[in-house]
């Protein structure tokens, strides 16, 4: 039984871990060692290019590593990692690749971490992914109740190899799969060649995820603002490819998540897609969407979630349109754009006027369900390290807080009661 001021069980849906790149060698098949040496030799050139493009700020990088030297070892050192998670009040985490987002010192072999893309060499891409997955399985096995490891999955490789890697990753103890946000010159995700992969992911109970990072940087020139404006769009794009092509209908057990791309874009997208499907005036000239048997919001609530890293106040204000249970908070540890090492203060600034029951869902319980964490095993730890509602500035008397959001909650997905759809009634 949870009392009103019990500590929060916090699960970060977006954290990162990875070895210093050169230390991946023992996890890499020997026949790729020469290619790996060439990859390592190009690191300085890639860092210089990042600086030239404005993606890397040299002065910031120097200060970041100097100020956080000890904590950053938590990117690959398990004991240090638990110390940092405990300090932030985070009981468990979903672990993506690339602990270092400043200098790429922990990049997975051949750049298949957050930059995983359809244009990777199929052989090197799979080799690099498997090397990271092997290390990650060892890493999370030390405290499996606290970590859900995300296996890298070069899904554009031959389907039989991809399916085999899904099962291998599951058997090794990993719990989710990250696919490229961009398929580049390969088949888009509506193609039926991927159906065996979606089926394997559903069978294994492993959510399929995209994560921000990859983008067509060669198109942007020196204009960093273009990259920043688009980098969260690419991970979201597969969502509507899977939705409209009927992937969610054919594979009802498949769960899909978009990580570190915010969730500010989702309300308007959902509004637009629902209206299109439900026969808004502007879409009546189109043929019926035969691949789908229900409106988009129903697939969203059944199978989709957003790992809304460093969730913003504006996004929380839209939570009744997005769906409270579809928003999974993340700290982004140990990346500088995340909330670490000041997560407790950040949570207080962000959630102070959000109802406690909803906060519990977004900060941990929804993630526990999406990724299969054992709440019973985590609860004693959460009671020891988790911040309480009062620590977040949330009042003990929740009546006024609930009342302040009553109108927003009532309006919710307002388009589902729109006069454009008189046959709908009041349903969602």
Protein backbone atom coordinates (compact mmCIF):
# COMPACT_ATOMS: atom_id res chain seq x y z
CA UNK A 1 0.00 0.00 0.00
CA UNK A 2 1.43 3.37 -1.02
CA UNK A 3 0.90 6.35 1.26
CA UNK A 4 0.73 9.87 -0.12
CA UNK A 5 4.29 10.85 0.88
CA UNK A 6 6.09 7.56 0.22
CA UNK A 7 9.31 8.06 -1.75
CA UNK A 8 9.00 7.85 -5.50
CA UNK A 9 10.12 4.75 -7.37
CA UNK A 10 12.05 6.49 -10.14
CA UNK A 11 13.05 4.68 -13.31
CA UNK A 12 14.97 6.64 -15.91
CA UNK A 13 13.83 5.57 -19.37
CA UNK A 14 16.94 7.06 -20.97
CA UNK A 15 20.46 6.57 -19.60
CA UNK A 16 23.71 5.71 -21.37
CA UNK A 17 26.64 3.37 -20.86
CA UNK A 18 29.56 2.27 -22.95
CA UNK A 19 33.19 1.27 -22.68
CA UNK A 20 36.03 3.59 -23.66
CA UNK A 21 36.03 2.67 -27.35
CA UNK A 22 39.39 0.92 -27.51
CA UNK A 23 38.30 -1.46 -24.72
CA UNK A 24 35.65 -3.07 -26.93
CA UNK A 25 38.31 -5.17 -28.67
CA UNK A 26 37.79 -8.35 -26.56
CA UNK A 27 34.06 -8.26 -27.40
CA UNK A 28 34.65 -7.92 -31.14
CA UNK A 29 35.07 -10.93 -33.42
CA UNK A 30 38.79 -11.24 -34.24
CA UNK A 31 38.28 -10.99 -38.00
CA UNK A 32 37.18 -7.36 -37.53
CA UNK A 33 40.19 -6.24 -35.45
CA UNK A 34 42.01 -4.67 -38.42
CA UNK A 35 38.91 -2.68 -39.35
CA UNK A 36 38.61 -1.67 -35.70
CA UNK A 37 42.17 -0.35 -35.68
CA UNK A 38 41.33 1.83 -38.68
CA UNK A 39 38.21 3.08 -36.93
CA UNK A 40 40.20 3.99 -33.82
CA UNK A 41 42.79 5.78 -35.93
CA UNK A 42 40.11 8.10 -37.29
CA UNK A 43 38.88 9.35 -33.90
CA UNK A 44 40.89 12.56 -33.85
CA UNK A 45 39.73 13.44 -37.35
CA UNK A 46 36.09 12.87 -36.37
CA UNK A 47 36.51 15.00 -33.25
CA UNK A 48 38.01 17.82 -35.28
CA UNK A 49 35.09 17.62 -37.70
CA UNK A 50 32.60 17.82 -34.82
CA UNK A 51 34.37 20.92 -33.52
CA UNK A 52 34.37 22.51 -36.97
CA UNK A 53 30.64 21.92 -37.38
CA UNK A 54 29.93 23.45 -33.98
CA UNK A 55 28.64 20.16 -32.58
CA UNK A 56 31.50 20.09 -30.09
CA UNK A 57 32.34 23.12 -27.91
CA UNK A 58 35.97 22.74 -26.89
CA UNK A 59 35.79 25.02 -23.85
CA UNK A 60 32.61 23.35 -22.59
CA UNK A 61 34.10 19.89 -23.13
CA UNK A 62 37.20 20.69 -21.09
CA UNK A 63 35.16 22.04 -18.17
CA UNK A 64 32.63 19.19 -18.31
CA UNK A 65 35.28 16.49 -18.01
CA UNK A 66 37.18 18.42 -15.34
CA UNK A 67 34.13 19.10 -13.16
CA UNK A 68 32.62 15.60 -13.46
CA UNK A 69 35.62 13.31 -13.81
CA UNK A 70 34.64 10.92 -11.02
CA UNK A 71 30.94 10.67 -11.88
CA UNK A 72 31.58 10.16 -15.58
CA UNK A 73 33.36 6.90 -14.81
CA UNK A 74 29.86 5.62 -14.09
CA UNK A 75 29.50 5.35 -17.85
CA UNK A 76 31.25 1.96 -17.63
CA UNK A 77 32.17 1.40 -13.96
CA UNK A 78 29.28 -0.37 -12.24
CA UNK A 79 30.09 0.69 -8.66
CA UNK A 80 30.44 4.35 -9.63
CA UNK A 81 27.27 4.13 -11.66
CA UNK A 82 25.19 2.91 -8.73
CA UNK A 83 26.61 5.72 -6.60
CA UNK A 84 25.50 8.29 -9.20
CA UNK A 85 22.05 6.73 -9.65
CA UNK A 86 21.51 6.62 -5.89
CA UNK A 87 22.56 10.25 -5.59
CA UNK A 88 19.95 11.20 -8.18
CA UNK A 89 17.28 9.09 -6.47
CA UNK A 90 17.02 6.81 -9.52
CA UNK A 91 16.23 3.19 -8.61
CA UNK A 92 16.47 1.70 -12.11
CA UNK A 93 17.28 2.67 -15.66
CA UNK A 94 17.01 1.83 -19.35
CA UNK A 95 20.55 1.75 -20.74
CA UNK A 96 21.30 3.06 -24.24
CA UNK A 97 24.83 3.19 -25.76
CA UNK A 98 27.42 5.99 -25.82
CA UNK A 99 28.12 7.17 -22.28
CA UNK A 100 30.13 10.12 -23.60
CA UNK A 101 28.07 12.55 -25.67
CA UNK A 102 30.76 15.26 -25.73
CA UNK A 103 33.92 13.72 -27.17
CA UNK A 104 32.61 10.30 -28.30
CA UNK A 105 35.24 8.59 -26.17
CA UNK A 106 32.87 5.69 -25.54
CA UNK A 107 31.53 5.26 -29.06
CA UNK A 108 30.54 1.71 -29.92
CA UNK A 109 32.74 0.10 -32.61
CA UNK A 110 32.30 1.54 -36.10
CA UNK A 111 30.00 4.29 -34.81
CA UNK A 112 26.95 2.09 -34.38
CA UNK A 113 25.83 3.61 -31.07
CA UNK A 114 23.49 6.58 -31.14
CA UNK A 115 24.62 7.14 -34.71
CA UNK A 116 23.33 3.72 -35.80
CA UNK A 117 22.01 4.21 -39.32
CA UNK A 118 20.89 2.29 -42.38
CA UNK A 119 23.98 3.36 -44.30
CA UNK A 120 26.41 1.43 -42.08
CA UNK A 121 28.33 -1.36 -43.75
CA UNK A 122 26.17 -4.43 -43.03
CA UNK A 123 29.09 -6.56 -41.84
CA UNK A 124 30.81 -3.90 -39.74
CA UNK A 125 27.49 -2.60 -38.43
CA UNK A 126 26.42 -5.98 -37.11
CA UNK A 127 29.90 -6.70 -35.76
CA UNK A 128 30.01 -3.42 -33.84
CA UNK A 129 26.48 -3.89 -32.53
CA UNK A 130 27.20 -7.40 -31.31
CA UNK A 131 30.38 -6.26 -29.57
CA UNK A 132 28.48 -3.59 -27.65
CA UNK A 133 25.61 -5.97 -26.90
CA UNK A 134 28.01 -8.57 -25.47
CA UNK A 135 29.63 -6.02 -23.18
CA UNK A 136 26.29 -4.53 -22.15
CA UNK A 137 24.91 -7.94 -21.22
CA UNK A 138 27.88 -8.45 -18.89
CA UNK A 139 27.47 -4.96 -17.47
CA UNK A 140 23.76 -5.16 -16.63
CA UNK A 141 24.09 -8.69 -15.25
CA UNK A 142 25.83 -7.32 -12.15
CA UNK A 143 22.59 -5.70 -10.96
CA UNK A 144 19.88 -6.94 -13.34
CA UNK A 145 17.01 -5.63 -11.23
CA UNK A 146 18.27 -2.05 -11.77
CA UNK A 147 19.15 -2.09 -15.46
CA UNK A 148 17.33 -2.82 -18.70
CA UNK A 149 20.00 -3.04 -21.37
CA UNK A 150 19.10 -1.85 -24.87
CA UNK A 151 20.66 -4.02 -27.56
CA UNK A 152 21.81 -2.33 -30.75
CA UNK A 153 19.98 -3.84 -33.73
CA UNK A 154 21.08 -2.97 -37.31
CA UNK A 155 17.63 -3.89 -38.56
CA UNK A 156 18.41 -3.12 -42.20
CA UNK A 157 20.83 -6.09 -42.34
CA UNK A 158 19.53 -9.44 -43.72
CA UNK A 159 16.40 -10.35 -41.76
CA UNK A 160 17.57 -13.79 -40.64
CA UNK A 161 20.69 -12.31 -39.02
CA UNK A 162 18.66 -9.58 -37.37
CA UNK A 163 16.15 -12.05 -35.94
CA UNK A 164 19.02 -14.20 -34.65
CA UNK A 165 20.48 -11.17 -32.88
CA UNK A 166 17.11 -10.40 -31.28
CA UNK A 167 16.99 -13.86 -29.74
CA UNK A 168 20.67 -13.82 -28.80
CA UNK A 169 20.25 -10.45 -27.07
CA UNK A 170 17.22 -11.71 -25.17
CA UNK A 171 19.02 -14.86 -24.05
CA UNK A 172 21.99 -12.77 -22.85
CA UNK A 173 19.77 -10.77 -20.50
CA UNK A 174 19.12 -7.60 -22.51
CA UNK A 175 15.60 -6.23 -22.45
CA UNK A 176 15.00 -3.85 -25.39
CA UNK A 177 16.17 -3.15 -28.95
CA UNK A 178 17.37 0.05 -30.59
CA UNK A 179 16.93 0.30 -34.37
CA UNK A 180 18.24 3.04 -36.68
CA UNK A 181 16.15 6.19 -36.90
CA UNK A 182 17.23 6.49 -40.54
CA UNK A 183 17.17 3.65 -43.06
CA UNK A 184 18.81 5.90 -45.69
CA UNK A 185 19.03 3.83 -48.91
CA UNK A 186 17.52 0.66 -47.42
CA UNK A 187 13.85 -0.35 -47.41
CA UNK A 188 11.64 1.90 -45.24
CA UNK A 189 10.03 0.35 -42.19
CA UNK A 190 6.69 -0.17 -43.88
CA UNK A 191 8.33 -2.91 -45.98
CA UNK A 192 7.16 -6.44 -45.15
CA UNK A 193 10.77 -7.68 -45.07
CA UNK A 194 10.91 -6.41 -41.50
CA UNK A 195 7.86 -8.37 -40.31
CA UNK A 196 9.96 -11.29 -38.99
CA UNK A 197 11.92 -8.79 -36.88
CA UNK A 198 8.81 -7.16 -35.41
CA UNK A 199 7.42 -10.63 -34.71
CA UNK A 200 10.63 -11.70 -32.96
CA UNK A 201 10.68 -8.54 -30.83
CA UNK A 202 7.06 -9.11 -29.81
CA UNK A 203 7.70 -12.78 -29.08
CA UNK A 204 10.69 -11.89 -26.88
CA UNK A 205 8.81 -9.09 -25.12
CA UNK A 206 11.50 -6.59 -26.11
CA UNK A 207 10.34 -3.04 -26.89
CA UNK A 208 11.74 -1.59 -30.12
CA UNK A 209 13.18 1.91 -29.71
CA UNK A 210 14.63 4.75 -31.70
CA UNK A 211 16.87 7.40 -30.13
CA UNK A 212 17.99 10.83 -31.27
CA UNK A 213 21.49 11.09 -32.68
CA UNK A 214 21.54 10.14 -36.35
CA UNK A 215 20.76 12.84 -38.91
CA UNK A 216 21.93 13.75 -42.44
CA UNK A 217 24.62 16.08 -41.10
CA UNK A 218 26.30 16.44 -44.49
CA UNK A 219 23.24 18.40 -45.63
CA UNK A 220 23.52 21.06 -42.91
CA UNK A 221 26.86 22.65 -43.75
CA UNK A 222 28.01 24.82 -40.85
CA UNK A 223 24.45 25.65 -39.80
CA UNK A 224 24.09 23.86 -36.49
CA UNK A 225 20.58 25.26 -35.98
CA UNK A 226 19.33 23.09 -38.86
CA UNK A 227 20.70 19.97 -37.18
CA UNK A 228 19.21 20.92 -33.80
CA UNK A 229 15.84 21.61 -35.40
CA UNK A 230 15.70 18.21 -37.09
CA UNK A 231 17.58 15.80 -34.84
CA UNK A 232 14.48 14.93 -32.79
CA UNK A 233 12.33 14.51 -35.92
CA UNK A 234 14.26 11.55 -37.34
CA UNK A 235 13.63 9.22 -34.36
CA UNK A 236 9.92 10.09 -34.43
CA UNK A 237 9.55 9.41 -38.14
CA UNK A 238 9.46 5.58 -37.90
CA UNK A 239 6.37 5.90 -35.69
CA UNK A 240 4.07 6.89 -38.53
CA UNK A 241 5.69 4.39 -40.91
CA UNK A 242 4.88 1.57 -38.49
CA UNK A 243 1.42 2.94 -37.70
CA UNK A 244 0.00 3.61 -41.17
CA UNK A 245 1.50 0.45 -42.72
CA UNK A 246 -0.34 -1.73 -40.20
CA UNK A 247 2.70 -3.01 -38.28
CA UNK A 248 0.98 -2.34 -34.95
CA UNK A 249 -2.17 -4.07 -36.20
CA UNK A 250 -0.30 -7.16 -37.44
CA UNK A 251 1.89 -7.33 -34.33
CA UNK A 252 -0.28 -6.31 -31.37
CA UNK A 253 2.38 -7.50 -28.92
CA UNK A 254 5.01 -5.12 -30.32
CA UNK A 255 5.90 -2.13 -28.12
CA UNK A 256 7.57 0.88 -29.71
CA UNK A 257 9.25 3.85 -28.04
CA UNK A 258 10.88 7.09 -29.14
CA UNK A 259 13.72 8.23 -26.87
CA UNK A 260 15.33 11.60 -26.21
CA UNK A 261 13.18 13.42 -28.72
CA UNK A 262 10.83 15.10 -26.25
CA UNK A 263 7.09 14.62 -26.57
CA UNK A 264 6.07 18.18 -27.48
CA UNK A 265 5.47 17.08 -31.09
CA UNK A 266 3.04 14.29 -30.25
CA UNK A 267 -0.24 16.10 -29.41
CA UNK A 268 -0.55 17.86 -32.75
CA UNK A 269 0.60 14.77 -34.65
CA UNK A 270 -1.93 12.59 -32.85
CA UNK A 271 -4.68 15.14 -33.43
CA UNK A 272 -3.84 15.24 -37.14
CA UNK A 273 -3.61 11.46 -37.58
CA UNK A 274 -6.82 10.75 -35.66
CA UNK A 275 -8.76 13.29 -37.69
CA UNK A 276 -7.37 11.88 -40.91
CA UNK A 277 -8.34 8.33 -39.98
CA UNK A 278 -11.73 9.25 -38.58
CA UNK A 279 -12.85 11.05 -41.71
CA UNK A 280 -12.24 14.75 -41.22
CA UNK A 281 -13.38 16.82 -44.19
CA UNK A 282 -9.85 17.23 -45.55
CA UNK A 283 -9.27 13.48 -45.70
CA UNK A 284 -12.55 12.27 -47.19
CA UNK A 285 -11.16 12.13 -50.72
CA UNK A 286 -8.57 9.53 -49.62
CA UNK A 287 -9.05 5.78 -49.79
CA UNK A 288 -9.77 3.99 -46.49
CA UNK A 289 -6.74 3.02 -44.43
CA UNK A 290 -7.13 -0.71 -44.92
CA UNK A 291 -4.03 -1.67 -42.91
CA UNK A 292 -5.52 -0.24 -39.71
CA UNK A 293 -8.57 -1.41 -37.79
CA UNK A 294 -8.68 1.35 -35.18
CA UNK A 295 -7.83 5.06 -34.88
CA UNK A 296 -4.20 6.06 -34.23
CA UNK A 297 -4.72 7.05 -30.60
CA UNK A 298 -5.77 3.50 -29.74
CA UNK A 299 -2.53 2.07 -31.12
CA UNK A 300 -0.61 4.77 -29.26
CA UNK A 301 -2.20 3.87 -25.94
CA UNK A 302 -1.79 0.15 -26.54
CA UNK A 303 1.72 -0.07 -27.98
CA UNK A 304 3.63 3.23 -28.04
CA UNK A 305 5.43 5.31 -25.42
CA UNK A 306 7.84 8.23 -25.40
CA UNK A 307 11.02 8.19 -23.34
CA UNK A 308 10.68 11.93 -22.80
CA UNK A 309 14.13 12.72 -21.48
CA UNK A 310 14.40 15.84 -19.33
CA UNK A 311 10.63 16.33 -19.71
CA UNK A 312 9.69 19.99 -19.94
CA UNK A 313 6.91 21.94 -18.25
CA UNK A 314 5.26 22.58 -21.59
CA UNK A 315 5.12 18.85 -22.28
CA UNK A 316 3.62 18.08 -18.88
CA UNK A 317 0.91 20.64 -19.60
CA UNK A 318 0.00 18.53 -22.68
CA UNK A 319 0.00 15.18 -20.86
CA UNK A 320 -3.76 14.58 -21.13
CA UNK A 321 -3.53 14.79 -24.92
CA UNK A 322 -0.41 12.60 -25.05
CA UNK A 323 -1.63 10.22 -22.33
CA UNK A 324 -0.06 10.23 -18.88
CA UNK A 325 1.00 6.59 -19.17
CA UNK A 326 2.65 7.27 -22.53
CA UNK A 327 5.21 9.68 -20.99
CA UNK A 328 8.29 8.02 -19.47
CA UNK A 329 10.71 10.40 -17.77
CA UNK A 330 14.48 10.05 -18.26
CA UNK A 331 17.58 11.62 -16.72
CA UNK A 332 19.94 11.04 -19.70
CA UNK A 333 22.78 10.10 -17.32
CA UNK A 334 25.66 10.84 -17.88
CA UNK A 335 25.03 13.29 -20.73
CA UNK A 336 25.36 17.04 -20.04
CA UNK A 337 22.00 17.87 -21.63
CA UNK A 338 20.26 15.69 -19.04
CA UNK A 339 19.37 16.28 -15.40
CA UNK A 340 22.38 14.58 -13.74
CA UNK A 341 23.93 15.43 -11.32
CA UNK A 342 21.12 17.77 -10.19
CA UNK A 343 18.12 15.53 -10.79
CA UNK A 344 16.46 16.08 -7.41
CA UNK A 345 16.42 19.86 -7.84
CA UNK A 346 15.26 19.49 -11.45
CA UNK A 347 12.36 17.27 -10.42
CA UNK A 348 11.24 19.80 -7.83
CA UNK A 349 11.24 22.63 -10.38
CA UNK A 350 9.35 20.55 -12.92
CA UNK A 351 6.83 18.42 -11.01
CA UNK A 352 5.98 20.61 -8.00
CA UNK A 353 2.37 21.18 -9.10
CA UNK A 354 1.69 17.86 -10.85
CA UNK A 355 -0.64 15.42 -9.02
CA UNK A 356 1.28 12.79 -7.08
CA UNK A 357 -0.59 9.87 -8.66
CA UNK A 358 0.35 11.06 -12.15
CA UNK A 359 3.91 11.84 -11.11
CA UNK A 360 4.35 8.27 -9.88
CA UNK A 361 3.29 6.98 -13.29
CA UNK A 362 5.55 9.26 -15.34
CA UNK A 363 8.60 8.97 -13.08
CA UNK A 364 8.63 5.21 -12.82
CA UNK A 365 5.57 3.00 -12.81
CA UNK A 366 4.80 3.38 -16.54
CA UNK A 367 8.43 2.55 -17.37
CA UNK A 368 8.31 -0.48 -15.07
CA UNK A 369 5.41 -1.83 -17.12
CA UNK A 370 6.92 -0.95 -20.51
CA UNK A 371 10.33 -2.53 -19.77
CA UNK A 372 9.40 -5.28 -17.33
CA UNK A 373 11.07 -4.03 -14.16
CA UNK A 374 10.17 -5.86 -10.95
CA UNK A 375 8.53 -3.19 -8.78
CA UNK A 376 8.52 -5.41 -5.69
CA UNK A 377 12.30 -5.84 -5.89
CA UNK A 378 12.90 -2.14 -6.46
CA UNK A 379 10.55 -0.77 -3.80
CA UNK A 380 12.92 -1.24 -0.80
CA UNK A 381 15.66 0.59 -2.69
CA UNK A 382 13.25 3.35 -3.73
CA UNK A 383 12.23 3.82 -0.09
CA UNK A 384 15.88 4.38 0.77
CA UNK A 385 17.00 6.69 -2.05
CA UNK A 386 13.87 8.11 -3.70
CA UNK A 387 12.69 11.68 -3.15
CA UNK A 388 9.27 12.08 -1.55
CA UNK A 389 6.42 14.19 -2.89
CA UNK A 390 7.20 16.77 -0.20
CA UNK A 391 10.83 16.82 -1.43
CA UNK A 392 9.42 17.77 -4.82
CA UNK A 393 7.35 20.54 -3.26
CA UNK A 394 4.08 18.70 -3.79
CA UNK A 395 1.56 19.45 -1.03
CA UNK A 396 0.22 16.72 1.23
CA UNK A 397 -3.33 17.84 0.50
CA UNK A 398 -3.71 16.95 -3.16
CA UNK A 399 -7.30 18.14 -3.56
CA UNK A 400 -6.31 21.62 -4.72
CA UNK A 401 -3.68 20.24 -7.09
CA UNK A 402 -6.16 17.82 -8.65
CA UNK A 403 -8.73 20.60 -8.96
CA UNK A 404 -6.27 22.90 -10.71
CA UNK A 405 -5.86 20.36 -13.51
CA UNK A 406 -9.49 19.22 -13.67
CA UNK A 407 -10.41 21.26 -16.74
CA UNK A 408 -7.33 20.12 -18.69
CA UNK A 409 -8.08 16.53 -17.78
CA UNK A 410 -11.71 16.91 -18.84
CA UNK A 411 -10.79 18.44 -22.19
CA UNK A 412 -8.08 15.83 -22.81
CA UNK A 413 -8.16 14.66 -26.42
CA UNK A 414 -10.78 17.18 -27.35
CA UNK A 415 -10.83 16.18 -31.01
CA UNK A 416 -12.49 12.87 -30.15
CA UNK A 417 -15.69 14.73 -29.28
CA UNK A 418 -15.39 17.14 -32.20
CA UNK A 419 -18.51 17.84 -34.24
CA UNK A 420 -16.63 16.52 -37.26
CA UNK A 421 -17.22 13.02 -35.88
CA UNK A 422 -20.81 12.90 -34.63
CA UNK A 423 -20.87 9.10 -34.78
CA UNK A 424 -18.06 8.83 -32.28
CA UNK A 425 -19.92 10.02 -29.23
CA UNK A 426 -17.60 10.59 -26.28
CA UNK A 427 -15.01 7.85 -26.61
CA UNK A 428 -11.27 7.51 -26.52
